[in-house]
Amino acid sequence: MAASTCTSAKHEDFCFIPPASHPAPLPHRWVRRSDTKQKLPQTRVAYISTAGNPARWSQVERVREANRRIEALTKTDPQFAFINVFTAMLGPDGLPKPDIFVADKLHMNEQGYAIWKEVVGPFLK
């Protein structure tokens, strides 16, 4: 499974697929979702949600809206999945868990990645 970012532009769905996960070199990093379905019909593609973090918490509503739209898009096709790490990284107060980030409050520490392992792991089986 490759991690991807899918979006809609000019009524066509596009997915970002890292070149290393594609069996042939790509001339660009964005491909149409329909191309993915045609060329890699047995491949599951998952989008890992954008995660909220203390350093960019002022942008949280934009993050929530982006995640909502991408999740809705992935639900239209069983080949695509949405992995929601956003909510798993929040504490009971609805704010990012402070103990899962390094000093810059943007990047995760080992505890943060343990959460990702727990949430993302089942999709890799």
C-alpha atoms as a PDB file:
ATOM      1  CA  MET A   1       0.000   0.000   0.000  1.00  0.00           C
ATOM      2  CA  ALA A   2       1.281   3.451  -0.833  1.00  0.00           C
ATOM      3  CA  ALA A   3       0.490   6.570   1.112  1.00  0.00           C
ATOM      4  CA  SER A   4      -1.124   9.153  -1.105  1.00  0.00           C
ATOM      5  CA  THR A   5      -2.711  12.552  -1.094  1.00  0.00           C
ATOM      6  CA  CYS A   6      -5.851  12.814  -3.175  1.00  0.00           C
ATOM      7  CA  THR A   7      -7.609  15.968  -4.238  1.00  0.00           C
ATOM      8  CA  SER A   8     -10.047  17.104  -6.875  1.00  0.00           C
ATOM      9  CA  ALA A   9      -9.035  19.559  -9.579  1.00  0.00           C
ATOM     10  CA  LYS A  10     -11.056  20.450 -12.674  1.00  0.00           C
ATOM     11  CA  HIS A  11     -13.458  17.570 -11.938  1.00  0.00           C
ATOM     12  CA  GLU A  12     -10.697  14.980 -12.020  1.00  0.00           C
ATOM     13  CA  ASP A  13      -9.332  13.247  -8.957  1.00  0.00           C
ATOM     14  CA  PHE A  14      -5.587  13.244  -8.527  1.00  0.00           C
ATOM     15  CA  CYS A  15      -3.435  11.271  -6.121  1.00  0.00           C
ATOM     16  CA  PHE A  16       0.127  11.852  -5.019  1.00  0.00           C
ATOM     17  CA  ILE A  17       1.976   8.567  -5.041  1.00  0.00           C
ATOM     18  CA  PRO A  18       5.617   8.520  -3.982  1.00  0.00           C
ATOM     19  CA  PRO A  19       7.663   7.336  -6.977  1.00  0.00           C
ATOM     20  CA  ALA A  20       9.291   4.541  -4.965  1.00  0.00           C
ATOM     21  CA  SER A  21       5.870   2.920  -4.516  1.00  0.00           C
ATOM     22  CA  HIS A  22       5.086   2.937  -8.245  1.00  0.00           C
ATOM     23  CA  PRO A  23       6.420   0.071 -10.374  1.00  0.00           C
ATOM     24  CA  ALA A  24       7.497   2.387 -13.213  1.00  0.00           C
ATOM     25  CA  PRO A  25       9.130   5.833 -13.129  1.00  0.00           C
ATOM     26  CA  LEU A  26       6.606   8.635 -13.069  1.00  0.00           C
ATOM     27  CA  PRO A  27       7.122  11.786 -15.112  1.00  0.00           C
ATOM     28  CA  HIS A  28       5.466  13.727 -12.293  1.00  0.00           C
ATOM     29  CA  ARG A  29       4.393  13.049  -8.742  1.00  0.00           C
ATOM     30  CA  TRP A  30       0.658  13.632  -9.190  1.00  0.00           C
ATOM     31  CA  VAL A  31      -1.382  11.074 -11.117  1.00  0.00           C
ATOM     32  CA  ARG A  32      -5.085  10.786 -11.840  1.00  0.00           C
ATOM     33  CA  ARG A  33      -6.903   8.442  -9.533  1.00  0.00           C
ATOM     34  CA  SER A  34      -8.381   6.799 -12.628  1.00  0.00           C
ATOM     35  CA  ASP A  35      -4.827   6.089 -13.846  1.00  0.00           C
ATOM     36  CA  THR A  36      -4.024   4.466 -10.519  1.00  0.00           C
ATOM     37  CA  LYS A  37      -7.097   2.272 -10.859  1.00  0.00           C
ATOM     38  CA  GLN A  38      -6.194   1.311 -14.420  1.00  0.00           C
ATOM     39  CA  LYS A  39      -2.465   0.714 -13.953  1.00  0.00           C
ATOM     40  CA  LEU A  40      -2.512  -0.615 -10.387  1.00  0.00           C
ATOM     41  CA  PRO A  41      -5.986  -2.145  -9.995  1.00  0.00           C
ATOM     42  CA  GLN A  42      -5.007  -4.458  -7.123  1.00  0.00           C
ATOM     43  CA  THR A  43      -3.159  -1.795  -5.146  1.00  0.00           C
ATOM     44  CA  ARG A  44      -4.772  -0.295  -2.070  1.00  0.00           C
ATOM     45  CA  VAL A  45      -3.911   3.363  -1.645  1.00  0.00           C
ATOM     46  CA  ALA A  46      -4.293   5.070   1.722  1.00  0.00           C
ATOM     47  CA  TYR A  47      -4.179   8.684   2.753  1.00  0.00           C
ATOM     48  CA  ILE A  48      -2.899   9.312   6.268  1.00  0.00           C
ATOM     49  CA  SER A  49      -4.743  12.295   7.663  1.00  0.00           C
ATOM     50  CA  THR A  50      -3.018  15.533   8.341  1.00  0.00           C
ATOM     51  CA  ALA A  51      -2.313  15.601  12.057  1.00  0.00           C
ATOM     52  CA  GLY A  52      -2.862  18.562  14.312  1.00  0.00           C
ATOM     53  CA  ASN A  53       0.139  19.798  16.222  1.00  0.00           C
ATOM     54  CA  PRO A  54       0.698  22.591  18.761  1.00  0.00           C
ATOM     55  CA  ALA A  55       2.968  24.578  16.423  1.00  0.00           C
ATOM     56  CA  ARG A  56       0.221  24.984  13.818  1.00  0.00           C
ATOM     57  CA  TRP A  57      -2.883  24.743  15.960  1.00  0.00           C
ATOM     58  CA  SER A  58      -4.063  28.116  14.613  1.00  0.00           C
ATOM     59  CA  GLN A  59      -4.686  26.297  11.309  1.00  0.00           C
ATOM     60  CA  VAL A  60      -6.655  23.432  12.839  1.00  0.00           C
ATOM     61  CA  GLU A  61      -9.954  24.286  11.137  1.00  0.00           C
ATOM     62  CA  ARG A  62      -8.275  24.142   7.727  1.00  0.00           C
ATOM     63  CA  VAL A  63      -6.735  20.792   8.679  1.00  0.00           C
ATOM     64  CA  ARG A  64     -10.102  19.417   9.809  1.00  0.00           C
ATOM     65  CA  GLU A  65     -11.779  20.553   6.587  1.00  0.00           C
ATOM     66  CA  ALA A  66      -9.029  19.083   4.405  1.00  0.00           C
ATOM     67  CA  ASN A  67      -9.246  15.782   6.275  1.00  0.00           C
ATOM     68  CA  ARG A  68     -13.047  15.764   5.963  1.00  0.00           C
ATOM     69  CA  ARG A  69     -12.909  16.314   2.203  1.00  0.00           C
ATOM     70  CA  ILE A  70     -10.209  13.743   1.606  1.00  0.00           C
ATOM     71  CA  GLU A  71     -11.955  11.167   3.770  1.00  0.00           C
ATOM     72  CA  ALA A  72     -15.190  11.713   1.809  1.00  0.00           C
ATOM     73  CA  LEU A  73     -13.294  11.212  -1.441  1.00  0.00           C
ATOM     74  CA  THR A  74     -11.697   7.977  -0.252  1.00  0.00           C
ATOM     75  CA  LYS A  75     -15.104   6.596   0.771  1.00  0.00           C
ATOM     76  CA  THR A  76     -16.239   6.699  -2.860  1.00  0.00           C
ATOM     77  CA  ASP A  77     -13.912   3.870  -3.872  1.00  0.00           C
ATOM     78  CA  PRO A  78     -12.913   0.692  -1.986  1.00  0.00           C
ATOM     79  CA  GLN A  79      -9.415   0.831  -3.496  1.00  0.00           C
ATOM     80  CA  PHE A  80      -8.754   3.970  -1.429  1.00  0.00           C
ATOM     81  CA  ALA A  81      -8.672   4.298   2.348  1.00  0.00           C
ATOM     82  CA  PHE A  82      -8.428   7.119   4.861  1.00  0.00           C
ATOM     83  CA  ILE A  83      -6.328   6.564   7.973  1.00  0.00           C
ATOM     84  CA  ASN A  84      -7.275   9.006  10.705  1.00  0.00           C
ATOM     85  CA  VAL A  85      -4.372   9.750  13.015  1.00  0.00           C
ATOM     86  CA  PHE A  86      -5.724  13.219  13.846  1.00  0.00           C
ATOM     87  CA  THR A  87      -8.134  12.186  16.604  1.00  0.00           C
ATOM     88  CA  ALA A  88      -5.711   9.651  18.106  1.00  0.00           C
ATOM     89  CA  MET A  89      -3.229  12.477  18.702  1.00  0.00           C
ATOM     90  CA  LEU A  90      -5.679  14.561  20.739  1.00  0.00           C
ATOM     91  CA  GLY A  91      -6.055  14.509  24.490  1.00  0.00           C
ATOM     92  CA  PRO A  92      -9.348  14.508  26.433  1.00  0.00           C
ATOM     93  CA  ASP A  93      -9.391  18.312  26.183  1.00  0.00           C
ATOM     94  CA  GLY A  94      -9.479  18.149  22.369  1.00  0.00           C
ATOM     95  CA  LEU A  95      -5.975  19.590  22.029  1.00  0.00           C
ATOM     96  CA  PRO A  96      -2.866  17.810  20.754  1.00  0.00           C
ATOM     97  CA  LYS A  97      -1.274  15.613  23.398  1.00  0.00           C
ATOM     98  CA  PRO A  98       1.721  17.710  24.523  1.00  0.00           C
ATOM     99  CA  ASP A  99       3.886  14.712  25.420  1.00  0.00           C
ATOM    100  CA  ILE A 100       4.012  13.298  21.870  1.00  0.00           C
ATOM    101  CA  PHE A 101       5.999  16.147  20.275  1.00  0.00           C
ATOM    102  CA  VAL A 102       9.627  17.235  20.394  1.00  0.00           C
ATOM    103  CA  ALA A 103      10.598  20.758  21.474  1.00  0.00           C
ATOM    104  CA  ASP A 104       9.534  22.407  18.183  1.00  0.00           C
ATOM    105  CA  LYS A 105       5.948  21.214  18.841  1.00  0.00           C
ATOM    106  CA  LEU A 106       5.685  20.272  15.180  1.00  0.00           C
ATOM    107  CA  HIS A 107       7.459  16.935  14.875  1.00  0.00           C
ATOM    108  CA  MET A 108       6.528  13.837  16.842  1.00  0.00           C
ATOM    109  CA  ASN A 109       8.688  12.010  19.323  1.00  0.00           C
ATOM    110  CA  GLU A 110       8.770   8.259  19.931  1.00  0.00           C
ATOM    111  CA  GLN A 111       5.422   8.367  21.761  1.00  0.00           C
ATOM    112  CA  GLY A 112       3.823  10.126  18.793  1.00  0.00           C
ATOM    113  CA  TYR A 113       5.109   7.542  16.372  1.00  0.00           C
ATOM    114  CA  ALA A 114       3.833   4.795  18.671  1.00  0.00           C
ATOM    115  CA  ILE A 115       0.345   6.246  18.165  1.00  0.00           C
ATOM    116  CA  TRP A 116       0.846   6.203  14.401  1.00  0.00           C
ATOM    117  CA  LYS A 117       2.033   2.593  14.575  1.00  0.00           C
ATOM    118  CA  GLU A 118      -1.119   1.655  16.456  1.00  0.00           C
ATOM    119  CA  VAL A 119      -3.440   3.476  14.035  1.00  0.00           C
ATOM    120  CA  VAL A 120      -1.658   2.797  10.729  1.00  0.00           C
ATOM    121  CA  GLY A 121      -0.508  -0.763  11.497  1.00  0.00           C
ATOM    122  CA  PRO A 122      -3.838  -2.497  10.825  1.00  0.00           C
ATOM    123  CA  PHE A 123      -3.939  -1.047   7.307  1.00  0.00           C
ATOM    124  CA  LEU A 124      -0.610  -2.639   6.467  1.00  0.00           C
ATOM    125  CA  LYS A 125      -1.791  -6.185   7.156  1.00  0.00           C
END
